[in-house]
C-alpha atoms as a PDB file:
ATOM      1  CA  MET A   1      51.259  18.559  55.913  1.00  0.00           C
ATOM      2  CA  ARG A   2      54.586  20.345  56.365  1.00  0.00           C
ATOM      3  CA  THR A   3      55.294  23.811  55.004  1.00  0.00           C
ATOM      4  CA  PRO A   4      56.525  25.254  52.783  1.00  0.00           C
ATOM      5  CA  VAL A   5      54.623  22.944  50.466  1.00  0.00           C
ATOM      6  CA  ILE A   6      54.185  22.450  46.748  1.00  0.00           C
ATOM      7  CA  ILE A   7      50.811  20.958  45.820  1.00  0.00           C
ATOM      8  CA  VAL A   8      50.732  19.624  42.280  1.00  0.00           C
ATOM      9  CA  ASN A   9      47.206  19.563  40.874  1.00  0.00           C
ATOM     10  CA  PHE A  10      47.120  16.785  38.269  1.00  0.00           C
ATOM     11  CA  LYS A  11      43.732  18.030  36.991  1.00  0.00           C
ATOM     12  CA  THR A  12      42.505  15.754  34.165  1.00  0.00           C
ATOM     13  CA  TYR A  13      45.497  16.179  31.890  1.00  0.00           C
ATOM     14  CA  GLN A  14      46.405  13.151  29.800  1.00  0.00           C
ATOM     15  CA  GLN A  15      49.960  13.467  31.121  1.00  0.00           C
ATOM     16  CA  ALA A  16      48.624  12.927  34.647  1.00  0.00           C
ATOM     17  CA  THR A  17      45.949  10.262  34.194  1.00  0.00           C
ATOM     18  CA  GLY A  18      46.102   6.532  34.959  1.00  0.00           C
ATOM     19  CA  LYS A  19      49.629   5.131  34.539  1.00  0.00           C
ATOM     20  CA  ASN A  20      50.842   8.645  33.824  1.00  0.00           C
ATOM     21  CA  ALA A  21      49.488   9.769  37.195  1.00  0.00           C
ATOM     22  CA  VAL A  22      51.622   7.153  38.932  1.00  0.00           C
ATOM     23  CA  LYS A  23      54.659   8.171  36.893  1.00  0.00           C
ATOM     24  CA  LEU A  24      54.207  11.845  37.768  1.00  0.00           C
ATOM     25  CA  ALA A  25      53.588  11.057  41.434  1.00  0.00           C
ATOM     26  CA  LYS A  26      56.819   9.068  41.567  1.00  0.00           C
ATOM     27  CA  ALA A  27      58.680  12.051  40.119  1.00  0.00           C
ATOM     28  CA  CYS A  28      57.135  14.199  42.861  1.00  0.00           C
ATOM     29  CA  GLU A  29      58.186  11.668  45.469  1.00  0.00           C
ATOM     30  CA  LYS A  30      61.759  11.494  44.181  1.00  0.00           C
ATOM     31  CA  VAL A  31      62.232  15.253  44.212  1.00  0.00           C
ATOM     32  CA  ALA A  32      60.537  15.550  47.616  1.00  0.00           C
ATOM     33  CA  LYS A  33      62.903  12.972  49.082  1.00  0.00           C
ATOM     34  CA  GLU A  34      66.005  14.557  47.577  1.00  0.00           C
ATOM     35  CA  SER A  35      65.088  18.138  48.460  1.00  0.00           C
ATOM     36  CA  LYS A  36      63.341  17.507  51.797  1.00  0.00           C
ATOM     37  CA  VAL A  37      60.523  19.751  50.529  1.00  0.00           C
ATOM     38  CA  GLU A  38      56.918  18.659  51.032  1.00  0.00           C
ATOM     39  CA  ILE A  39      55.275  17.855  47.687  1.00  0.00           C
ATOM     40  CA  VAL A  40      51.640  16.769  47.489  1.00  0.00           C
ATOM     41  CA  ALA A  41      49.966  15.030  44.546  1.00  0.00           C
ATOM     42  CA  ALA A  42      46.321  16.076  44.007  1.00  0.00           C
ATOM     43  CA  VAL A  43      44.980  13.422  41.661  1.00  0.00           C
ATOM     44  CA  GLN A  44      41.731  12.383  40.023  1.00  0.00           C
ATOM     45  CA  THR A  45      39.412  10.270  42.166  1.00  0.00           C
ATOM     46  CA  ALA A  46      39.906   7.199  39.971  1.00  0.00           C
ATOM     47  CA  ASP A  47      43.674   7.427  40.451  1.00  0.00           C
ATOM     48  CA  ILE A  48      43.826   7.917  44.221  1.00  0.00           C
ATOM     49  CA  SER A  49      44.210   4.269  45.171  1.00  0.00           C
ATOM     50  CA  LYS A  50      46.871   3.375  42.597  1.00  0.00           C
ATOM     51  CA  VAL A  51      48.874   6.527  43.305  1.00  0.00           C
ATOM     52  CA  ALA A  52      48.609   6.200  47.088  1.00  0.00           C
ATOM     53  CA  ASN A  53      49.826   2.611  46.840  1.00  0.00           C
ATOM     54  CA  ALA A  54      52.777   3.652  44.666  1.00  0.00           C
ATOM     55  CA  VAL A  55      54.184   6.590  46.670  1.00  0.00           C
ATOM     56  CA  LYS A  56      54.653   7.740  50.255  1.00  0.00           C
ATOM     57  CA  ILE A  57      54.111  11.455  49.700  1.00  0.00           C
ATOM     58  CA  PRO A  58      50.686  12.895  50.620  1.00  0.00           C
ATOM     59  CA  VAL A  59      47.975  12.208  48.052  1.00  0.00           C
ATOM     60  CA  PHE A  60      44.953  14.499  47.839  1.00  0.00           C
ATOM     61  CA  ALA A  61      41.617  14.288  46.070  1.00  0.00           C
ATOM     62  CA  GLN A  62      40.760  17.184  43.775  1.00  0.00           C
ATOM     63  CA  HIS A  63      37.250  17.460  45.225  1.00  0.00           C
ATOM     64  CA  VAL A  64      34.786  15.745  47.538  1.00  0.00           C
ATOM     65  CA  ASP A  65      31.050  16.268  47.998  1.00  0.00           C
ATOM     66  CA  LYS A  66      29.019  16.955  51.123  1.00  0.00           C
ATOM     67  CA  ILE A  67      27.364  13.556  51.247  1.00  0.00           C
ATOM     68  CA  SER A  68      27.364  10.516  53.497  1.00  0.00           C
ATOM     69  CA  TYR A  69      26.852   6.834  52.787  1.00  0.00           C
ATOM     70  CA  GLY A  70      23.699   6.194  50.794  1.00  0.00           C
ATOM     71  CA  LYS A  71      21.972   7.048  47.532  1.00  0.00           C
ATOM     72  CA  ASN A  72      24.373   9.498  45.908  1.00  0.00           C
ATOM     73  CA  THR A  73      25.177   8.147  42.455  1.00  0.00           C
ATOM     74  CA  GLY A  74      27.899  10.135  40.713  1.00  0.00           C
ATOM     75  CA  PHE A  75      29.043  12.073  43.781  1.00  0.00           C
ATOM     76  CA  ILE A  76      32.404  11.784  45.547  1.00  0.00           C
ATOM     77  CA  LEU A  77      32.106  10.413  49.065  1.00  0.00           C
ATOM     78  CA  PRO A  78      34.731  11.827  51.483  1.00  0.00           C
ATOM     79  CA  GLU A  79      34.965   8.492  53.266  1.00  0.00           C
ATOM     80  CA  SER A  80      35.721   6.829  49.930  1.00  0.00           C
ATOM     81  CA  VAL A  81      38.743   9.002  49.120  1.00  0.00           C
ATOM     82  CA  LYS A  82      39.970   8.555  52.683  1.00  0.00           C
ATOM     83  CA  LYS A  83      39.741   4.764  52.430  1.00  0.00           C
ATOM     84  CA  SER A  84      41.442   4.914  49.007  1.00  0.00           C
ATOM     85  CA  GLY A  85      44.505   6.536  50.550  1.00  0.00           C
ATOM     86  CA  ALA A  86      43.918  10.290  50.280  1.00  0.00           C
ATOM     87  CA  SER A  87      44.959  12.410  53.251  1.00  0.00           C
ATOM     88  CA  GLY A  88      43.307  15.592  52.046  1.00  0.00           C
ATOM     89  CA  THR A  89      41.375  17.335  49.308  1.00  0.00           C
ATOM     90  CA  LEU A  90      41.185  20.502  47.276  1.00  0.00           C
ATOM     91  CA  LEU A  91      37.863  22.366  47.452  1.00  0.00           C
ATOM     92  CA  ASN A  92      36.262  25.305  45.647  1.00  0.00           C
ATOM     93  CA  HIS A  93      38.733  25.390  42.775  1.00  0.00           C
ATOM     94  CA  ALA A  94      37.853  27.914  40.076  1.00  0.00           C
ATOM     95  CA  GLU A  95      36.958  24.956  37.856  1.00  0.00           C
ATOM     96  CA  HIS A  96      34.627  23.512  40.520  1.00  0.00           C
ATOM     97  CA  LYS A  97      33.122  26.314  42.607  1.00  0.00           C
ATOM     98  CA  LEU A  98      30.862  25.639  45.579  1.00  0.00           C
ATOM     99  CA  ASP A  99      28.071  27.507  47.283  1.00  0.00           C
ATOM    100  CA  TYR A 100      29.367  28.885  50.589  1.00  0.00           C
ATOM    101  CA  LYS A 101      26.933  26.860  52.708  1.00  0.00           C
ATOM    102  CA  ILE A 102      27.900  23.667  50.910  1.00  0.00           C
ATOM    103  CA  LEU A 103      31.582  24.568  51.201  1.00  0.00           C
ATOM    104  CA  LYS A 104      31.314  25.158  54.943  1.00  0.00           C
ATOM    105  CA  ASP A 105      29.511  21.842  55.484  1.00  0.00           C
ATOM    106  CA  THR A 106      32.015  19.985  53.297  1.00  0.00           C
ATOM    107  CA  ILE A 107      34.953  21.397  55.256  1.00  0.00           C
ATOM    108  CA  ASN A 108      33.315  20.282  58.487  1.00  0.00           C
ATOM    109  CA  SER A 109      32.745  16.791  57.092  1.00  0.00           C
ATOM    110  CA  CYS A 110      36.417  16.575  56.124  1.00  0.00           C
ATOM    111  CA  LYS A 111      37.488  17.705  59.596  1.00  0.00           C
ATOM    112  CA  LYS A 112      35.600  14.804  61.144  1.00  0.00           C
ATOM    113  CA  LEU A 113      37.495  12.418  58.847  1.00  0.00           C
ATOM    114  CA  LYS A 114      40.815  14.196  59.442  1.00  0.00           C
ATOM    115  CA  LEU A 115      41.102  15.040  55.754  1.00  0.00           C
ATOM    116  CA  THR A 116      43.236  18.130  55.190  1.00  0.00           C
ATOM    117  CA  THR A 117      41.316  20.826  53.303  1.00  0.00           C
ATOM    118  CA  VAL A 118      42.929  23.241  50.849  1.00  0.00           C
ATOM    119  CA  VAL A 119      40.234  25.706  49.820  1.00  0.00           C
ATOM    120  CA  CYS A 120      40.735  27.973  46.814  1.00  0.00           C
ATOM    121  CA  ALA A 121      39.725  31.636  46.846  1.00  0.00           C
ATOM    122  CA  ALA A 122      39.693  33.972  43.858  1.00  0.00           C
ATOM    123  CA  ASN A 123      40.300  37.228  45.740  1.00  0.00           C
ATOM    124  CA  LYS A 124      40.463  38.875  49.157  1.00  0.00           C
ATOM    125  CA  LYS A 125      36.678  39.065  49.499  1.00  0.00           C
ATOM    126  CA  GLU A 126      36.243  35.346  48.937  1.00  0.00           C
ATOM    127  CA  ALA A 127      39.305  34.570  51.052  1.00  0.00           C
ATOM    128  CA  ALA A 128      37.808  36.446  54.011  1.00  0.00           C
ATOM    129  CA  VAL A 129      34.594  34.432  53.783  1.00  0.00           C
ATOM    130  CA  VAL A 130      36.410  31.126  53.403  1.00  0.00           C
ATOM    131  CA  ALA A 131      38.630  31.914  56.400  1.00  0.00           C
ATOM    132  CA  LYS A 132      35.543  31.883  58.632  1.00  0.00           C
ATOM    133  CA  PHE A 133      35.058  28.204  57.792  1.00  0.00           C
ATOM    134  CA  LYS A 134      38.540  27.399  59.172  1.00  0.00           C
ATOM    135  CA  PRO A 135      39.957  25.093  56.485  1.00  0.00           C
ATOM    136  CA  ASN A 136      43.512  23.849  56.930  1.00  0.00           C
ATOM    137  CA  PHE A 137      44.823  26.012  54.064  1.00  0.00           C
ATOM    138  CA  ILE A 138      43.519  28.711  51.732  1.00  0.00           C
ATOM    139  CA  ALA A 139      44.970  28.915  48.215  1.00  0.00           C
ATOM    140  CA  VAL A 140      44.649  32.352  46.614  1.00  0.00           C
ATOM    141  CA  GLU A 141      44.044  31.817  42.883  1.00  0.00           C
ATOM    142  CA  PRO A 142      42.757  34.582  40.580  1.00  0.00           C
ATOM    143  CA  PRO A 143      40.921  32.506  37.936  1.00  0.00           C
ATOM    144  CA  GLU A 144      42.032  34.685  35.032  1.00  0.00           C
ATOM    145  CA  LEU A 145      45.653  33.589  35.574  1.00  0.00           C
ATOM    146  CA  ILE A 146      45.097  29.844  35.950  1.00  0.00           C
ATOM    147  CA  GLY A 147      47.036  27.928  33.308  1.00  0.00           C
ATOM    148  CA  LYS A 148      48.653  31.086  31.901  1.00  0.00           C
ATOM    149  CA  LEU A 149      52.167  30.503  33.288  1.00  0.00           C
ATOM    150  CA  VAL A 150      52.121  34.114  34.478  1.00  0.00           C
ATOM    151  CA  SER A 151      52.217  33.981  38.254  1.00  0.00           C
ATOM    152  CA  VAL A 152      49.935  36.030  40.455  1.00  0.00           C
ATOM    153  CA  SER A 153      52.881  36.473  42.827  1.00  0.00           C
ATOM    154  CA  LYS A 154      54.623  38.516  40.130  1.00  0.00           C
ATOM    155  CA  VAL A 155      51.912  40.301  38.159  1.00  0.00           C
ATOM    156  CA  GLU A 156      49.288  40.746  40.889  1.00  0.00           C
ATOM    157  CA  PRO A 157      51.161  40.582  44.212  1.00  0.00           C
ATOM    158  CA  ASP A 158      48.628  42.933  45.816  1.00  0.00           C
ATOM    159  CA  VAL A 159      45.987  40.220  45.409  1.00  0.00           C
ATOM    160  CA  VAL A 160      48.088  37.899  47.551  1.00  0.00           C
ATOM    161  CA  ILE A 161      49.012  40.569  50.086  1.00  0.00           C
ATOM    162  CA  SER A 162      45.453  41.869  50.483  1.00  0.00           C
ATOM    163  CA  SER A 163      44.049  38.334  50.700  1.00  0.00           C
ATOM    164  CA  ILE A 164      46.466  37.413  53.481  1.00  0.00           C
ATOM    165  CA  ALA A 165      45.530  40.609  55.349  1.00  0.00           C
ATOM    166  CA  ALA A 166      41.815  39.822  54.967  1.00  0.00           C
ATOM    167  CA  ILE A 167      42.328  36.274  56.206  1.00  0.00           C
ATOM    168  CA  ARG A 168      44.367  37.431  59.222  1.00  0.00           C
ATOM    169  CA  LYS A 169      41.413  39.519  60.414  1.00  0.00           C
ATOM    170  CA  VAL A 170      39.484  36.277  60.757  1.00  0.00           C
ATOM    171  CA  SER A 171      41.926  33.421  61.380  1.00  0.00           C
ATOM    172  CA  SER A 172      45.535  32.225  61.302  1.00  0.00           C
ATOM    173  CA  THR A 173      44.874  29.812  58.417  1.00  0.00           C
ATOM    174  CA  PRO A 174      48.059  29.319  56.330  1.00  0.00           C
ATOM    175  CA  VAL A 175      47.866  30.753  52.819  1.00  0.00           C
ATOM    176  CA  LEU A 176      49.130  29.231  49.566  1.00  0.00           C
ATOM    177  CA  CYS A 177      49.600  30.947  46.221  1.00  0.00           C
ATOM    178  CA  GLY A 178      48.207  29.564  42.981  1.00  0.00           C
ATOM    179  CA  ALA A 179      47.424  30.608  39.409  1.00  0.00           C
ATOM    180  CA  GLY A 180      50.186  30.818  36.846  1.00  0.00           C
ATOM    181  CA  VAL A 181      53.053  29.616  39.050  1.00  0.00           C
ATOM    182  CA  ALA A 182      55.642  28.576  36.486  1.00  0.00           C
ATOM    183  CA  ASN A 183      59.105  28.419  38.033  1.00  0.00           C
ATOM    184  CA  GLY A 184      61.231  28.611  41.146  1.00  0.00           C
ATOM    185  CA  GLU A 185      61.337  32.397  41.146  1.00  0.00           C
ATOM    186  CA  ASP A 186      57.531  32.431  41.309  1.00  0.00           C
ATOM    187  CA  VAL A 187      57.682  30.115  44.316  1.00  0.00           C
ATOM    188  CA  LYS A 188      60.300  32.286  46.011  1.00  0.00           C
ATOM    189  CA  LYS A 189      58.230  35.421  45.430  1.00  0.00           C
ATOM    190  CA  ALA A 190      55.095  33.736  46.765  1.00  0.00           C
ATOM    191  CA  ILE A 191      56.856  32.818  50.001  1.00  0.00           C
ATOM    192  CA  GLU A 192      58.335  36.311  50.314  1.00  0.00           C
ATOM    193  CA  LEU A 193      54.796  37.675  50.122  1.00  0.00           C
ATOM    194  CA  GLY A 194      53.886  35.633  53.196  1.00  0.00           C
ATOM    195  CA  THR A 195      52.483  32.395  51.828  1.00  0.00           C
ATOM    196  CA  LYS A 196      53.418  28.897  52.947  1.00  0.00           C
ATOM    197  CA  GLY A 197      53.788  27.426  49.472  1.00  0.00           C
ATOM    198  CA  VAL A 198      52.117  27.077  46.105  1.00  0.00           C
ATOM    199  CA  LEU A 199      49.382  25.218  44.254  1.00  0.00           C
ATOM    200  CA  ILE A 200      50.637  24.450  40.761  1.00  0.00           C
ATOM    201  CA  ALA A 201      49.430  22.452  37.759  1.00  0.00           C
ATOM    202  CA  THR A 202      50.328  23.243  34.146  1.00  0.00           C
ATOM    203  CA  ALA A 203      54.016  24.044  34.652  1.00  0.00           C
ATOM    204  CA  VAL A 204      54.589  20.571  36.122  1.00  0.00           C
ATOM    205  CA  THR A 205      51.963  18.307  34.595  1.00  0.00           C
ATOM    206  CA  LYS A 206      52.605  19.439  31.018  1.00  0.00           C
ATOM    207  CA  ALA A 207      56.386  19.749  31.351  1.00  0.00           C
ATOM    208  CA  LYS A 208      58.471  17.572  29.030  1.00  0.00           C
ATOM    209  CA  ASN A 209      60.568  16.542  32.027  1.00  0.00           C
ATOM    210  CA  HIS A 210      58.530  16.397  35.239  1.00  0.00           C
ATOM    211  CA  GLU A 211      61.494  15.817  37.493  1.00  0.00           C
ATOM    212  CA  ALA A 212      63.421  18.759  36.062  1.00  0.00           C
ATOM    213  CA  ALA A 213      60.390  21.022  36.410  1.00  0.00           C
ATOM    214  CA  LEU A 214      59.983  20.047  40.059  1.00  0.00           C
ATOM    215  CA  LYS A 215      63.670  20.528  40.819  1.00  0.00           C
ATOM    216  CA  GLY A 216      63.395  24.005  39.357  1.00  0.00           C
ATOM    217  CA  LEU A 217      60.713  24.781  41.933  1.00  0.00           C
ATOM    218  CA  VAL A 218      62.218  23.363  45.113  1.00  0.00           C
ATOM    219  CA  LYS A 219      65.657  24.920  44.727  1.00  0.00           C
ATOM    220  CA  TYR A 220      64.187  28.280  45.741  1.00  0.00           C
ATOM    221  CA  ILE A 221      62.687  26.976  48.972  1.00  0.00           C
END
């Protein structure tokens, strides 16, 4: 995955489910091609195959479980998302937190499958712990700002700065900025703070014009 990067988390919004997921992913692909900026679509498990078959940009799962083939009804098998066309996955999002031991084991499972891992951390303390597990990326996301359209890079820049410093004591893992990212200026500020891109959801998925929203982000990169 190239950087700087914009990862669009489709979550389970109606505007980003089923046929709408394909439509949004195609908008991401179009803007990525025109701008030469890496844009990743993190979609629901049920939509991975159809989205991956429709676009050439990276497609991520929103979560996988630490399981292997067998009796695991209702869980998400890493091998399954890989075979469906995903090249990576989000982990430990504020809406789907994991025990540290489970998180570490899940990251290791993904490494064996060559699935890129983007692990979310709420603050510098959590970021420092996560860094020890050596994921591919760490996304700093204070949960209180998620979905608020008030970016952490603007209102709580010290959270980003201190998290990067904490991570650097442990590893060189690239850091992304999430929570409340709403526009291109937020993206610019996040990169100025030392991150390699952003994890964004609401500002794109719920925008009236997806393509316009995405263009507003990439022009500052």
